[in-house]
Amino acid sequence: MPKADEPNDKALQSLDARLDAFEARKAAEKPVKAAGEKASQDGYRLLADLIGGVLVGLGFGWLLDHYAGTGPWGMVGGLLIGTGLAIFSVVRKATKLSAQASKAPAEDVDNGDGPTAPKQKRD
C-alpha cells in the first residue's frame, strides 16, 4: 500500500510548491494605493463622523424630550452637544492624519513623472 500513496504525496508537494510561488507573485504585484485615493477615503470618513455626531446628538435630544417631556430643549441641547463633540472629534482625527501625512516618506508622493505620466516634449 505505501507505493500507492507516493504519487499522491508528490502531487501534493508539487501543488504546495506551485501555490507558494503563486502567492509570492501575487504579493509582489500588490497594487499600491494612490495618495489621492487615500486622501478621499480619509475625507469621507471625517464627513461621516461629523454627520454621525450631529445625528446622534439629535437622537439623544429627541429621547430626552420624548421621555422627560422637556419640549424642544432636549433636541436643541442634543444638537449643540452632538455638533460640538463631532467637531472636536473631526479636528482631532484631521490633526492626526495631517501628522501621518507629513511623516510619510517621499517615495509615496506622486510627483507626476512616474511610468504612467505622459512624456512632454520641451523645446
PDB file of N, CA and C in Angstrom:
ATOM      1  N   MET A   1       0.792  -1.206   0.000  1.00  0.00           N
ATOM      2  CA  MET A   1       0.000   0.000   0.000  1.00  0.00           C
ATOM      3  C   MET A   1       0.837   1.273   0.000  1.00  0.00           C
ATOM      4  N   PRO A   2       2.024   1.346   0.581  1.00  0.00           N
ATOM      5  CA  PRO A   2       2.759   2.594   0.596  1.00  0.00           C
ATOM      6  C   PRO A   2       3.085   3.104  -0.806  1.00  0.00           C
ATOM      7  N   LYS A   3       3.201   2.202  -1.771  1.00  0.00           N
ATOM      8  CA  LYS A   3       3.529   2.645  -3.119  1.00  0.00           C
ATOM      9  C   LYS A   3       2.373   3.425  -3.741  1.00  0.00           C
ATOM     10  N   ALA A   4       1.160   3.138  -3.362  1.00  0.00           N
ATOM     11  CA  ALA A   4       0.014   3.846  -3.929  1.00  0.00           C
ATOM     12  C   ALA A   4      -0.063   5.286  -3.411  1.00  0.00           C
ATOM     13  N   ASP A   5       0.446   5.537  -2.204  1.00  0.00           N
ATOM     14  CA  ASP A   5       0.400   6.883  -1.633  1.00  0.00           C
ATOM     15  C   ASP A   5       1.515   7.787  -2.153  1.00  0.00           C
ATOM     16  N   GLU A   6       2.604   7.216  -2.650  1.00  0.00           N
ATOM     17  CA  GLU A   6       3.730   8.029  -3.094  1.00  0.00           C
ATOM     18  C   GLU A   6       3.357   9.001  -4.216  1.00  0.00           C
ATOM     19  N   PRO A   7       2.617   8.608  -5.249  1.00  0.00           N
ATOM     20  CA  PRO A   7       2.254   9.585  -6.282  1.00  0.00           C
ATOM     21  C   PRO A   7       1.380  10.719  -5.723  1.00  0.00           C
ATOM     22  N   ASN A   8       0.512  10.381  -4.773  1.00  0.00           N
ATOM     23  CA  ASN A   8      -0.321  11.420  -4.170  1.00  0.00           C
ATOM     24  C   ASN A   8       0.522  12.411  -3.377  1.00  0.00           C
ATOM     25  N   ASP A   9       1.530  11.911  -2.655  1.00  0.00           N
ATOM     26  CA  ASP A   9       2.399  12.791  -1.891  1.00  0.00           C
ATOM     27  C   ASP A   9       3.182  13.718  -2.817  1.00  0.00           C
ATOM     28  N   LYS A  10       3.675  13.177  -3.922  1.00  0.00           N
ATOM     29  CA  LYS A  10       4.416  14.005  -4.878  1.00  0.00           C
ATOM     30  C   LYS A  10       3.501  15.058  -5.502  1.00  0.00           C
ATOM     31  N   ALA A  11       2.278  14.668  -5.794  1.00  0.00           N
ATOM     32  CA  ALA A  11       1.324  15.628  -6.373  1.00  0.00           C
ATOM     33  C   ALA A  11       0.989  16.728  -5.372  1.00  0.00           C
ATOM     34  N   LEU A  12       0.832  16.377  -4.099  1.00  0.00           N
ATOM     35  CA  LEU A  12       0.553  17.376  -3.078  1.00  0.00           C
ATOM     36  C   LEU A  12       1.742  18.320  -2.871  1.00  0.00           C
ATOM     37  N   GLN A  13       2.948  17.752  -2.892  1.00  0.00           N
ATOM     38  CA  GLN A  13       4.136  18.606  -2.744  1.00  0.00           C
ATOM     39  C   GLN A  13       4.268  19.557  -3.939  1.00  0.00           C
ATOM     40  N   SER A  14       3.986  19.046  -5.130  1.00  0.00           N
ATOM     41  CA  SER A  14       4.040  19.892  -6.323  1.00  0.00           C
ATOM     42  C   SER A  14       2.984  20.990  -6.248  1.00  0.00           C
ATOM     43  N   LEU A  15       1.788  20.636  -5.785  1.00  0.00           N
ATOM     44  CA  LEU A  15       0.723  21.620  -5.640  1.00  0.00           C
ATOM     45  C   LEU A  15       1.088  22.683  -4.603  1.00  0.00           C
ATOM     46  N   ASP A  16       1.680  22.272  -3.485  1.00  0.00           N
ATOM     47  CA  ASP A  16       2.121  23.231  -2.463  1.00  0.00           C
ATOM     48  C   ASP A  16       3.175  24.184  -3.019  1.00  0.00           C
ATOM     49  N   ALA A  17       4.111  23.651  -3.786  1.00  0.00           N
ATOM     50  CA  ALA A  17       5.164  24.497  -4.365  1.00  0.00           C
ATOM     51  C   ALA A  17       4.567  25.506  -5.344  1.00  0.00           C
ATOM     52  N   ARG A  18       3.640  25.065  -6.179  1.00  0.00           N
ATOM     53  CA  ARG A  18       3.016  25.984  -7.134  1.00  0.00           C
ATOM     54  C   ARG A  18       2.171  27.031  -6.413  1.00  0.00           C
ATOM     55  N   LEU A  19       1.493  26.628  -5.349  1.00  0.00           N
ATOM     56  CA  LEU A  19       0.686  27.565  -4.578  1.00  0.00           C
ATOM     57  C   LEU A  19       1.569  28.616  -3.902  1.00  0.00           C
ATOM     58  N   ASP A  20       2.696  28.191  -3.338  1.00  0.00           N
ATOM     59  CA  ASP A  20       3.623  29.142  -2.721  1.00  0.00           C
ATOM     60  C   ASP A  20       4.180  30.124  -3.750  1.00  0.00           C
ATOM     61  N   ALA A  21       4.500  29.629  -4.941  1.00  0.00           N
ATOM     62  CA  ALA A  21       5.016  30.507  -5.995  1.00  0.00           C
ATOM     63  C   ALA A  21       3.946  31.501  -6.435  1.00  0.00           C
ATOM     64  N   PHE A  22       2.702  31.048  -6.537  1.00  0.00           N
ATOM     65  CA  PHE A  22       1.607  31.931  -6.934  1.00  0.00           C
ATOM     66  C   PHE A  22       1.381  33.022  -5.888  1.00  0.00           C
ATOM     67  N   GLU A  23       1.384  32.643  -4.615  1.00  0.00           N
ATOM     68  CA  GLU A  23       1.184  33.619  -3.544  1.00  0.00           C
ATOM     69  C   GLU A  23       2.320  34.629  -3.496  1.00  0.00           C
ATOM     70  N   ALA A  24       3.539  34.187  -3.766  1.00  0.00           N
ATOM     71  CA  ALA A  24       4.679  35.102  -3.788  1.00  0.00           C
ATOM     72  C   ALA A  24       4.543  36.098  -4.941  1.00  0.00           C
ATOM     73  N   ARG A  25       4.089  35.631  -6.117  1.00  0.00           N
ATOM     74  CA  ARG A  25       3.889  36.535  -7.256  1.00  0.00           C
ATOM     75  C   ARG A  25       2.795  37.545  -6.949  1.00  0.00           C
ATOM     76  N   LYS A  26       1.706  37.090  -6.343  1.00  0.00           N
ATOM     77  CA  LYS A  26       0.603  37.997  -6.024  1.00  0.00           C
ATOM     78  C   LYS A  26       1.018  39.032  -4.990  1.00  0.00           C
ATOM     79  N   ALA A  27       1.821  38.648  -4.018  1.00  0.00           N
ATOM     80  CA  ALA A  27       2.285  39.596  -3.008  1.00  0.00           C
ATOM     81  C   ALA A  27       3.194  40.647  -3.636  1.00  0.00           C
ATOM     82  N   ALA A  28       3.988  40.251  -4.622  1.00  0.00           N
ATOM     83  CA  ALA A  28       4.872  41.204  -5.291  1.00  0.00           C
ATOM     84  C   ALA A  28       4.091  42.162  -6.182  1.00  0.00           C
ATOM     85  N   GLU A  29       2.968  41.728  -6.722  1.00  0.00           N
ATOM     86  CA  GLU A  29       2.167  42.548  -7.630  1.00  0.00           C
ATOM     87  C   GLU A  29       1.107  43.369  -6.898  1.00  0.00           C
ATOM     88  N   LYS A  30       1.118  43.350  -5.584  1.00  0.00           N
ATOM     89  CA  LYS A  30       0.097  44.038  -4.800  1.00  0.00           C
ATOM     90  C   LYS A  30       0.090  45.524  -5.174  1.00  0.00           C
ATOM     91  N   PRO A  31      -1.056  46.040  -5.609  1.00  0.00           N
ATOM     92  CA  PRO A  31      -1.089  47.436  -6.032  1.00  0.00           C
ATOM     93  C   PRO A  31      -0.962  48.386  -4.843  1.00  0.00           C
ATOM     94  N   VAL A  32      -0.297  49.478  -5.073  1.00  0.00           N
ATOM     95  CA  VAL A  32      -0.116  50.498  -4.052  1.00  0.00           C
ATOM     96  C   VAL A  32      -1.211  51.539  -4.237  1.00  0.00           C
ATOM     97  N   LYS A  33      -1.866  51.921  -3.144  1.00  0.00           N
ATOM     98  CA  LYS A  33      -2.930  52.918  -3.222  1.00  0.00           C
ATOM     99  C   LYS A  33      -2.338  54.273  -3.589  1.00  0.00           C
ATOM    100  N   ALA A  34      -3.024  54.957  -4.443  1.00  0.00           N
ATOM    101  CA  ALA A  34      -2.597  56.303  -4.800  1.00  0.00           C
ATOM    102  C   ALA A  34      -2.844  57.236  -3.623  1.00  0.00           C
ATOM    103  N   ALA A  35      -2.053  58.287  -3.537  1.00  0.00           N
ATOM    104  CA  ALA A  35      -2.197  59.227  -2.422  1.00  0.00           C
ATOM    105  C   ALA A  35      -3.557  59.911  -2.462  1.00  0.00           C
ATOM    106  N   GLY A  36      -4.059  60.199  -3.656  1.00  0.00           N
ATOM    107  CA  GLY A  36      -5.360  60.842  -3.781  1.00  0.00           C
ATOM    108  C   GLY A  36      -6.493  59.942  -3.329  1.00  0.00           C
ATOM    109  N   GLU A  37      -6.350  58.651  -3.569  1.00  0.00           N
ATOM    110  CA  GLU A  37      -7.391  57.708  -3.152  1.00  0.00           C
ATOM    111  C   GLU A  37      -7.470  57.643  -1.631  1.00  0.00           C
ATOM    112  N   LYS A  38      -6.329  57.592  -0.979  1.00  0.00           N
ATOM    113  CA  LYS A  38      -6.324  57.543   0.483  1.00  0.00           C
ATOM    114  C   LYS A  38      -6.862  58.852   1.062  1.00  0.00           C
ATOM    115  N   ALA A  39      -6.515  59.970   0.449  1.00  0.00           N
ATOM    116  CA  ALA A  39      -6.995  61.260   0.949  1.00  0.00           C
ATOM    117  C   ALA A  39      -8.506  61.360   0.829  1.00  0.00           C
ATOM    118  N   SER A  40      -9.058  60.858  -0.264  1.00  0.00           N
ATOM    119  CA  SER A  40     -10.511  60.920  -0.418  1.00  0.00           C
ATOM    120  C   SER A  40     -11.205  59.987   0.575  1.00  0.00           C
ATOM    121  N   GLN A  41     -10.613  58.842   0.856  1.00  0.00           N
ATOM    122  CA  GLN A  41     -11.186  57.951   1.867  1.00  0.00           C
ATOM    123  C   GLN A  41     -11.177  58.612   3.240  1.00  0.00           C
ATOM    124  N   ASP A  42     -10.079  59.277   3.564  1.00  0.00           N
ATOM    125  CA  ASP A  42      -9.996  59.964   4.854  1.00  0.00           C
ATOM    126  C   ASP A  42     -11.013  61.099   4.938  1.00  0.00           C
ATOM    127  N   GLY A  43     -11.203  61.826   3.843  1.00  0.00           N
ATOM    128  CA  GLY A  43     -12.177  62.913   3.827  1.00  0.00           C
ATOM    129  C   GLY A  43     -13.594  62.417   4.036  1.00  0.00           C
ATOM    130  N   TYR A  44     -13.933  61.329   3.368  1.00  0.00           N
ATOM    131  CA  TYR A  44     -15.278  60.767   3.547  1.00  0.00           C
ATOM    132  C   TYR A  44     -15.467  60.248   4.971  1.00  0.00           C
ATOM    133  N   ARG A  45     -14.416  59.702   5.555  1.00  0.00           N
ATOM    134  CA  ARG A  45     -14.514  59.213   6.931  1.00  0.00           C
ATOM    135  C   ARG A  45     -14.761  60.384   7.890  1.00  0.00           C
ATOM    136  N   LEU A  46     -14.062  61.494   7.676  1.00  0.00           N
ATOM    137  CA  LEU A  46     -14.266  62.661   8.533  1.00  0.00           C
ATOM    138  C   LEU A  46     -15.668  63.231   8.354  1.00  0.00           C
ATOM    139  N   LEU A  47     -16.154  63.264   7.114  1.00  0.00           N
ATOM    140  CA  LEU A  47     -17.506  63.756   6.862  1.00  0.00           C
ATOM    141  C   LEU A  47     -18.548  62.865   7.544  1.00  0.00           C
ATOM    142  N   ALA A  48     -18.355  61.558   7.474  1.00  0.00           N
ATOM    143  CA  ALA A  48     -19.285  60.635   8.127  1.00  0.00           C
ATOM    144  C   ALA A  48     -19.267  60.818   9.646  1.00  0.00           C
ATOM    145  N   ASP A  49     -18.084  61.048  10.208  1.00  0.00           N
ATOM    146  CA  ASP A  49     -18.002  61.297  11.658  1.00  0.00           C
ATOM    147  C   ASP A  49     -18.743  62.567  12.035  1.00  0.00           C
ATOM    148  N   LEU A  50     -18.615  63.599  11.234  1.00  0.00           N
ATOM    149  CA  LEU A  50     -19.290  64.863  11.531  1.00  0.00           C
ATOM    150  C   LEU A  50     -20.808  64.713  11.460  1.00  0.00           C
ATOM    151  N   ILE A  51     -21.290  64.104  10.391  1.00  0.00           N
ATOM    152  CA  ILE A  51     -22.742  63.920  10.229  1.00  0.00           C
ATOM    153  C   ILE A  51     -23.278  62.973  11.300  1.00  0.00           C
ATOM    154  N   GLY A  52     -22.530  61.907  11.588  1.00  0.00           N
ATOM    155  CA  GLY A  52     -22.967  60.955  12.606  1.00  0.00           C
ATOM    156  C   GLY A  52     -23.052  61.574  13.983  1.00  0.00           C
ATOM    157  N   GLY A  53     -22.099  62.431  14.329  1.00  0.00           N
ATOM    158  CA  GLY A  53     -22.129  63.087  15.642  1.00  0.00           C
ATOM    159  C   GLY A  53     -23.343  63.985  15.800  1.00  0.00           C
ATOM    160  N   VAL A  54     -23.658  64.731  14.752  1.00  0.00           N
ATOM    161  CA  VAL A  54     -24.832  65.613  14.802  1.00  0.00           C
ATOM    162  C   VAL A  54     -26.107  64.785  14.942  1.00  0.00           C
ATOM    163  N   LEU A  55     -26.218  63.713  14.152  1.00  0.00           N
ATOM    164  CA  LEU A  55     -27.431  62.885  14.214  1.00  0.00           C
ATOM    165  C   LEU A  55     -27.576  62.165  15.550  1.00  0.00           C
ATOM    166  N   VAL A  56     -26.478  61.704  16.106  1.00  0.00           N
ATOM    167  CA  VAL A  56     -26.548  61.043  17.418  1.00  0.00           C
ATOM    168  C   VAL A  56     -26.969  62.046  18.486  1.00  0.00           C
ATOM    169  N   GLY A  57     -26.439  63.269  18.421  1.00  0.00           N
ATOM    170  CA  GLY A  57     -26.854  64.306  19.368  1.00  0.00           C
ATOM    171  C   GLY A  57     -28.340  64.604  19.246  1.00  0.00           C
ATOM    172  N   LEU A  58     -28.832  64.710  18.017  1.00  0.00           N
ATOM    173  CA  LEU A  58     -30.271  64.927  17.809  1.00  0.00           C
ATOM    174  C   LEU A  58     -31.095  63.763  18.355  1.00  0.00           C
ATOM    175  N   GLY A  59     -30.601  62.556  18.142  1.00  0.00           N
ATOM    176  CA  GLY A  59     -31.319  61.376  18.634  1.00  0.00           C
ATOM    177  C   GLY A  59     -31.421  61.344  20.139  1.00  0.00           C
ATOM    178  N   PHE A  60     -30.319  61.644  20.825  1.00  0.00           N
ATOM    179  CA  PHE A  60     -30.367  61.678  22.285  1.00  0.00           C
ATOM    180  C   PHE A  60     -31.252  62.824  22.781  1.00  0.00           C
ATOM    181  N   GLY A  61     -31.228  63.956  22.083  1.00  0.00           N
ATOM    182  CA  GLY A  61     -32.106  65.063  22.457  1.00  0.00           C
ATOM    183  C   GLY A  61     -33.562  64.705  22.287  1.00  0.00           C
ATOM    184  N   TRP A  62     -33.884  64.002  21.212  1.00  0.00           N
ATOM    185  CA  TRP A  62     -35.268  63.578  20.990  1.00  0.00           C
ATOM    186  C   TRP A  62     -35.702  62.601  22.078  1.00  0.00           C
ATOM    187  N   LEU A  63     -34.816  61.665  22.439  1.00  0.00           N
ATOM    188  CA  LEU A  63     -35.155  60.720  23.505  1.00  0.00           C
ATOM    189  C   LEU A  63     -35.412  61.451  24.826  1.00  0.00           C
ATOM    190  N   LEU A  64     -34.594  62.435  25.114  1.00  0.00           N
ATOM    191  CA  LEU A  64     -34.793  63.209  26.333  1.00  0.00           C
ATOM    192  C   LEU A  64     -36.138  63.945  26.287  1.00  0.00           C
ATOM    193  N   ASP A  65     -36.444  64.540  25.142  1.00  0.00           N
ATOM    194  CA  ASP A  65     -37.732  65.231  25.001  1.00  0.00           C
ATOM    195  C   ASP A  65     -38.893  64.254  25.140  1.00  0.00           C
ATOM    196  N   HIS A  66     -38.761  63.106  24.527  1.00  0.00           N
ATOM    197  CA  HIS A  66     -39.855  62.142  24.499  1.00  0.00           C
ATOM    198  C   HIS A  66     -40.151  61.572  25.887  1.00  0.00           C
ATOM    199  N   TYR A  67     -39.112  61.202  26.630  1.00  0.00           N
ATOM    200  CA  TYR A  67     -39.333  60.535  27.912  1.00  0.00           C
ATOM    201  C   TYR A  67     -39.377  61.495  29.097  1.00  0.00           C
ATOM    202  N   ALA A  68     -38.742  62.647  28.991  1.00  0.00           N
ATOM    203  CA  ALA A  68     -38.743  63.586  30.114  1.00  0.00           C
ATOM    204  C   ALA A  68     -39.734  64.727  29.895  1.00  0.00           C
ATOM    205  N   GLY A  69     -40.253  64.842  28.676  1.00  0.00           N
ATOM    206  CA  GLY A  69     -41.221  65.884  28.379  1.00  0.00           C
ATOM    207  C   GLY A  69     -40.633  67.279  28.475  1.00  0.00           C
ATOM    208  N   THR A  70     -39.436  67.461  27.999  1.00  0.00           N
ATOM    209  CA  THR A  70     -38.771  68.756  28.128  1.00  0.00           C
ATOM    210  C   THR A  70     -39.013  69.676  26.943  1.00  0.00           C
ATOM    211  N   GLY A  71     -39.901  69.298  26.050  1.00  0.00           N
ATOM    212  CA  GLY A  71     -40.200  70.162  24.905  1.00  0.00           C
ATOM    213  C   GLY A  71     -39.059  70.150  23.896  1.00  0.00           C
ATOM    214  N   PRO A  72     -38.841  71.248  23.219  1.00  0.00           N
ATOM    215  CA  PRO A  72     -37.799  71.242  22.186  1.00  0.00           C
ATOM    216  C   PRO A  72     -36.392  71.409  22.756  1.00  0.00           C
ATOM    217  N   TRP A  73     -36.264  71.643  24.055  1.00  0.00           N
ATOM    218  CA  TRP A  73     -34.948  71.954  24.612  1.00  0.00           C
ATOM    219  C   TRP A  73     -34.001  70.767  24.622  1.00  0.00           C
ATOM    220  N   GLY A  74     -34.519  69.587  24.704  1.00  0.00           N
ATOM    221  CA  GLY A  74     -33.652  68.400  24.644  1.00  0.00           C
ATOM    222  C   GLY A  74     -33.001  68.258  23.282  1.00  0.00           C
ATOM    223  N   MET A  75     -33.795  68.487  22.236  1.00  0.00           N
ATOM    224  CA  MET A  75     -33.225  68.404  20.888  1.00  0.00           C
ATOM    225  C   MET A  75     -32.249  69.537  20.624  1.00  0.00           C
ATOM    226  N   VAL A  76     -32.551  70.724  21.120  1.00  0.00           N
ATOM    227  CA  VAL A  76     -31.634  71.853  20.935  1.00  0.00           C
ATOM    228  C   VAL A  76     -30.313  71.557  21.649  1.00  0.00           C
ATOM    229  N   GLY A  77     -30.412  71.116  22.901  1.00  0.00           N
ATOM    230  CA  GLY A  77     -29.195  70.770  23.648  1.00  0.00           C
ATOM    231  C   GLY A  77     -28.446  69.619  23.016  1.00  0.00           C
ATOM    232  N   GLY A  78     -29.182  68.587  22.573  1.00  0.00           N
ATOM    233  CA  GLY A  78     -28.543  67.446  21.914  1.00  0.00           C
ATOM    234  C   GLY A  78     -27.852  67.847  20.630  1.00  0.00           C
ATOM    235  N   LEU A  79     -28.486  68.743  19.862  1.00  0.00           N
ATOM    236  CA  LEU A  79     -27.874  69.222  18.626  1.00  0.00           C
ATOM    237  C   LEU A  79     -26.578  69.971  18.929  1.00  0.00           C
ATOM    238  N   LEU A  80     -26.610  70.847  19.918  1.00  0.00           N
ATOM    239  CA  LEU A  80     -25.412  71.612  20.258  1.00  0.00           C
ATOM    240  C   LEU A  80     -24.295  70.717  20.789  1.00  0.00           C
ATOM    241  N   ILE A  81     -24.639  69.817  21.687  1.00  0.00           N
ATOM    242  CA  ILE A  81     -23.628  68.916  22.253  1.00  0.00           C
ATOM    243  C   ILE A  81     -23.087  67.971  21.181  1.00  0.00           C
ATOM    244  N   GLY A  82     -23.980  67.396  20.355  1.00  0.00           N
ATOM    245  CA  GLY A  82     -23.541  66.492  19.287  1.00  0.00           C
ATOM    246  C   GLY A  82     -22.656  67.182  18.267  1.00  0.00           C
ATOM    247  N   THR A  83     -23.017  68.414  17.905  1.00  0.00           N
ATOM    248  CA  THR A  83     -22.210  69.167  16.949  1.00  0.00           C
ATOM    249  C   THR A  83     -20.844  69.495  17.541  1.00  0.00           C
ATOM    250  N   GLY A  84     -20.828  69.921  18.776  1.00  0.00           N
ATOM    251  CA  GLY A  84     -19.555  70.249  19.428  1.00  0.00           C
ATOM    252  C   GLY A  84     -18.637  69.051  19.531  1.00  0.00           C
ATOM    253  N   LEU A  85     -19.179  67.912  19.958  1.00  0.00           N
ATOM    254  CA  LEU A  85     -18.356  66.708  20.083  1.00  0.00           C
ATOM    255  C   LEU A  85     -17.904  66.198  18.712  1.00  0.00           C
ATOM    256  N   ALA A  86     -18.773  66.316  17.709  1.00  0.00           N
ATOM    257  CA  ALA A  86     -18.397  65.871  16.365  1.00  0.00           C
ATOM    258  C   ALA A  86     -17.270  66.736  15.805  1.00  0.00           C
ATOM    259  N   ILE A  87     -17.360  68.035  15.999  1.00  0.00           N
ATOM    260  CA  ILE A  87     -16.299  68.923  15.510  1.00  0.00           C
ATOM    261  C   ILE A  87     -14.994  68.635  16.247  1.00  0.00           C
ATOM    262  N   PHE A  88     -15.066  68.444  17.554  1.00  0.00           N
ATOM    263  CA  PHE A  88     -13.868  68.104  18.326  1.00  0.00           C
ATOM    264  C   PHE A  88     -13.233  66.815  17.804  1.00  0.00           C
ATOM    265  N   SER A  89     -14.048  65.806  17.559  1.00  0.00           N
ATOM    266  CA  SER A  89     -13.550  64.520  17.062  1.00  0.00           C
ATOM    267  C   SER A  89     -12.934  64.661  15.673  1.00  0.00           C
ATOM    268  N   VAL A  90     -13.583  65.402  14.793  1.00  0.00           N
ATOM    269  CA  VAL A  90     -13.078  65.566  13.424  1.00  0.00           C
ATOM    270  C   VAL A  90     -11.761  66.335  13.432  1.00  0.00           C
ATOM    271  N   VAL A  91     -11.661  67.376  14.229  1.00  0.00           N
ATOM    272  CA  VAL A  91     -10.417  68.146  14.293  1.00  0.00           C
ATOM    273  C   VAL A  91      -9.283  67.285  14.831  1.00  0.00           C
ATOM    274  N   ARG A  92      -9.571  66.485  15.843  1.00  0.00           N
ATOM    275  CA  ARG A  92      -8.543  65.614  16.403  1.00  0.00           C
ATOM    276  C   ARG A  92      -8.070  64.578  15.379  1.00  0.00           C
ATOM    277  N   LYS A  93      -9.008  63.960  14.656  1.00  0.00           N
ATOM    278  CA  LYS A  93      -8.628  62.977  13.645  1.00  0.00           C
ATOM    279  C   LYS A  93      -7.900  63.626  12.475  1.00  0.00           C
ATOM    280  N   ALA A  94      -8.327  64.817  12.067  1.00  0.00           N
ATOM    281  CA  ALA A  94      -7.667  65.508  10.956  1.00  0.00           C
ATOM    282  C   ALA A  94      -6.243  65.887  11.344  1.00  0.00           C
ATOM    283  N   THR A  95      -6.035  66.285  12.590  1.00  0.00           N
ATOM    284  CA  THR A  95      -4.683  66.611  13.047  1.00  0.00           C
ATOM    285  C   THR A  95      -3.798  65.376  13.021  1.00  0.00           C
ATOM    286  N   LYS A  96      -4.357  64.256  13.442  1.00  0.00           N
ATOM    287  CA  LYS A  96      -3.600  63.005  13.439  1.00  0.00           C
ATOM    288  C   LYS A  96      -3.270  62.579  12.003  1.00  0.00           C
ATOM    289  N   LEU A  97      -4.226  62.706  11.084  1.00  0.00           N
ATOM    290  CA  LEU A  97      -3.983  62.353   9.685  1.00  0.00           C
ATOM    291  C   LEU A  97      -2.947  63.280   9.053  1.00  0.00           C
ATOM    292  N   SER A  98      -2.991  64.550   9.418  1.00  0.00           N
ATOM    293  CA  SER A  98      -2.018  65.506   8.894  1.00  0.00           C
ATOM    294  C   SER A  98      -0.614  65.166   9.377  1.00  0.00           C
ATOM    295  N   ALA A  99      -0.490  64.780  10.631  1.00  0.00           N
ATOM    296  CA  ALA A  99       0.817  64.403  11.160  1.00  0.00           C
ATOM    297  C   ALA A  99       1.341  63.150  10.470  1.00  0.00           C
ATOM    298  N   GLN A 100       0.451  62.192  10.193  1.00  0.00           N
ATOM    299  CA  GLN A 100       0.868  60.980   9.489  1.00  0.00           C
ATOM    300  C   GLN A 100       1.298  61.295   8.066  1.00  0.00           C
ATOM    301  N   ALA A 101       0.604  62.208   7.418  1.00  0.00           N
ATOM    302  CA  ALA A 101       0.935  62.559   6.042  1.00  0.00           C
ATOM    303  C   ALA A 101       2.269  63.288   5.966  1.00  0.00           C
ATOM    304  N   SER A 102       2.588  64.093   6.962  1.00  0.00           N
ATOM    305  CA  SER A 102       3.854  64.817   6.927  1.00  0.00           C
ATOM    306  C   SER A 102       5.032  63.901   7.239  1.00  0.00           C
ATOM    307  N   LYS A 103       4.793  62.794   7.932  1.00  0.00           N
ATOM    308  CA  LYS A 103       5.850  61.830   8.228  1.00  0.00           C
ATOM    309  C   LYS A 103       6.034  60.805   7.117  1.00  0.00           C
ATOM    310  N   ALA A 104       5.137  60.787   6.124  1.00  0.00           N
ATOM    311  CA  ALA A 104       5.203  59.793   5.054  1.00  0.00           C
ATOM    312  C   ALA A 104       6.488  59.982   4.263  1.00  0.00           C
ATOM    313  N   PRO A 105       7.116  58.877   3.841  1.00  0.00           N
ATOM    314  CA  PRO A 105       8.339  59.001   3.052  1.00  0.00           C
ATOM    315  C   PRO A 105       8.057  59.641   1.696  1.00  0.00           C
ATOM    316  N   ALA A 106       9.061  60.253   1.141  1.00  0.00           N
ATOM    317  CA  ALA A 106       8.905  60.962  -0.132  1.00  0.00           C
ATOM    318  C   ALA A 106       8.613  60.014  -1.288  1.00  0.00           C
ATOM    319  N   GLU A 107       8.879  58.722  -1.120  1.00  0.00           N
ATOM    320  CA  GLU A 107       8.634  57.764  -2.190  1.00  0.00           C
ATOM    321  C   GLU A 107       7.150  57.588  -2.460  1.00  0.00           C
ATOM    322  N   ASP A 108       6.302  57.788  -1.438  1.00  0.00           N
ATOM    323  CA  ASP A 108       4.866  57.594  -1.616  1.00  0.00           C
ATOM    324  C   ASP A 108       4.195  58.753  -2.334  1.00  0.00           C
ATOM    325  N   VAL A 109       4.862  59.889  -2.433  1.00  0.00           N
ATOM    326  CA  VAL A 109       4.272  61.060  -3.046  1.00  0.00           C
ATOM    327  C   VAL A 109       4.368  60.942  -4.552  1.00  0.00           C
ATOM    328  N   ASP A 110       3.245  61.150  -5.230  1.00  0.00           N
ATOM    329  CA  ASP A 110       3.214  61.069  -6.686  1.00  0.00           C
ATOM    330  C   ASP A 110       3.544  62.448  -7.248  1.00  0.00           C
ATOM    331  N   ASN A 111       4.722  62.564  -7.870  1.00  0.00           N
ATOM    332  CA  ASN A 111       5.127  63.853  -8.398  1.00  0.00           C
ATOM    333  C   ASN A 111       4.834  63.992  -9.887  1.00  0.00           C
ATOM    334  N   GLY A 112       4.176  63.021 -10.469  1.00  0.00           N
ATOM    335  CA  GLY A 112       3.732  63.144 -11.854  1.00  0.00           C
ATOM    336  C   GLY A 112       4.706  62.640 -12.888  1.00  0.00           C
ATOM    337  N   ASP A 113       5.902  62.215 -12.505  1.00  0.00           N
ATOM    338  CA  ASP A 113       6.826  61.735 -13.521  1.00  0.00           C
ATOM    339  C   ASP A 113       7.053  60.228 -13.388  1.00  0.00           C
ATOM    340  N   GLY A 114       6.015  59.524 -12.998  1.00  0.00           N
ATOM    341  CA  GLY A 114       6.078  58.078 -12.903  1.00  0.00           C
ATOM    342  C   GLY A 114       5.884  57.432 -14.268  1.00  0.00           C
ATOM    343  N   PRO A 115       5.763  56.119 -14.310  1.00  0.00           N
ATOM    344  CA  PRO A 115       5.649  55.432 -15.596  1.00  0.00           C
ATOM    345  C   PRO A 115       4.339  55.725 -16.322  1.00  0.00           C
ATOM    346  N   THR A 116       3.307  56.193 -15.612  1.00  0.00           N
ATOM    347  CA  THR A 116       2.044  56.444 -16.275  1.00  0.00           C
ATOM    348  C   THR A 116       1.917  57.882 -16.767  1.00  0.00           C
ATOM    349  N   ALA A 117       2.839  58.756 -16.364  1.00  0.00           N
ATOM    350  CA  ALA A 117       2.763  60.143 -16.777  1.00  0.00           C
ATOM    351  C   ALA A 117       3.251  60.272 -18.224  1.00  0.00           C
ATOM    352  N   PRO A 118       2.530  61.015 -19.046  1.00  0.00           N
ATOM    353  CA  PRO A 118       2.984  61.172 -20.419  1.00  0.00           C
ATOM    354  C   PRO A 118       4.238  62.026 -20.471  1.00  0.00           C
ATOM    355  N   LYS A 119       5.136  61.670 -21.364  1.00  0.00           N
ATOM    356  CA  LYS A 119       6.353  62.438 -21.541  1.00  0.00           C
ATOM    357  C   LYS A 119       6.043  63.695 -22.344  1.00  0.00           C
ATOM    358  N   GLN A 120       6.533  64.815 -21.862  1.00  0.00           N
ATOM    359  CA  GLN A 120       6.277  66.064 -22.564  1.00  0.00           C
ATOM    360  C   GLN A 120       7.533  66.483 -23.307  1.00  0.00           C
ATOM    361  N   LYS A 121       7.316  66.956 -24.490  1.00  0.00           N
ATOM    362  CA  LYS A 121       8.419  67.409 -25.312  1.00  0.00           C
ATOM    363  C   LYS A 121       8.704  68.869 -24.984  1.00  0.00           C
ATOM    364  N   ARG A 122       9.960  69.161 -24.681  1.00  0.00           N
ATOM    365  CA  ARG A 122      10.329  70.539 -24.362  1.00  0.00           C
ATOM    366  C   ARG A 122      11.164  71.102 -25.488  1.00  0.00           C
ATOM    367  N   ASP A 123      10.858  72.355 -25.830  1.00  0.00           N
ATOM    368  CA  ASP A 123      11.597  72.999 -26.921  1.00  0.00           C
ATOM    369  C   ASP A 123      12.832  73.700 -26.449  1.00  0.00           C
TER     370      ASP A 123
END
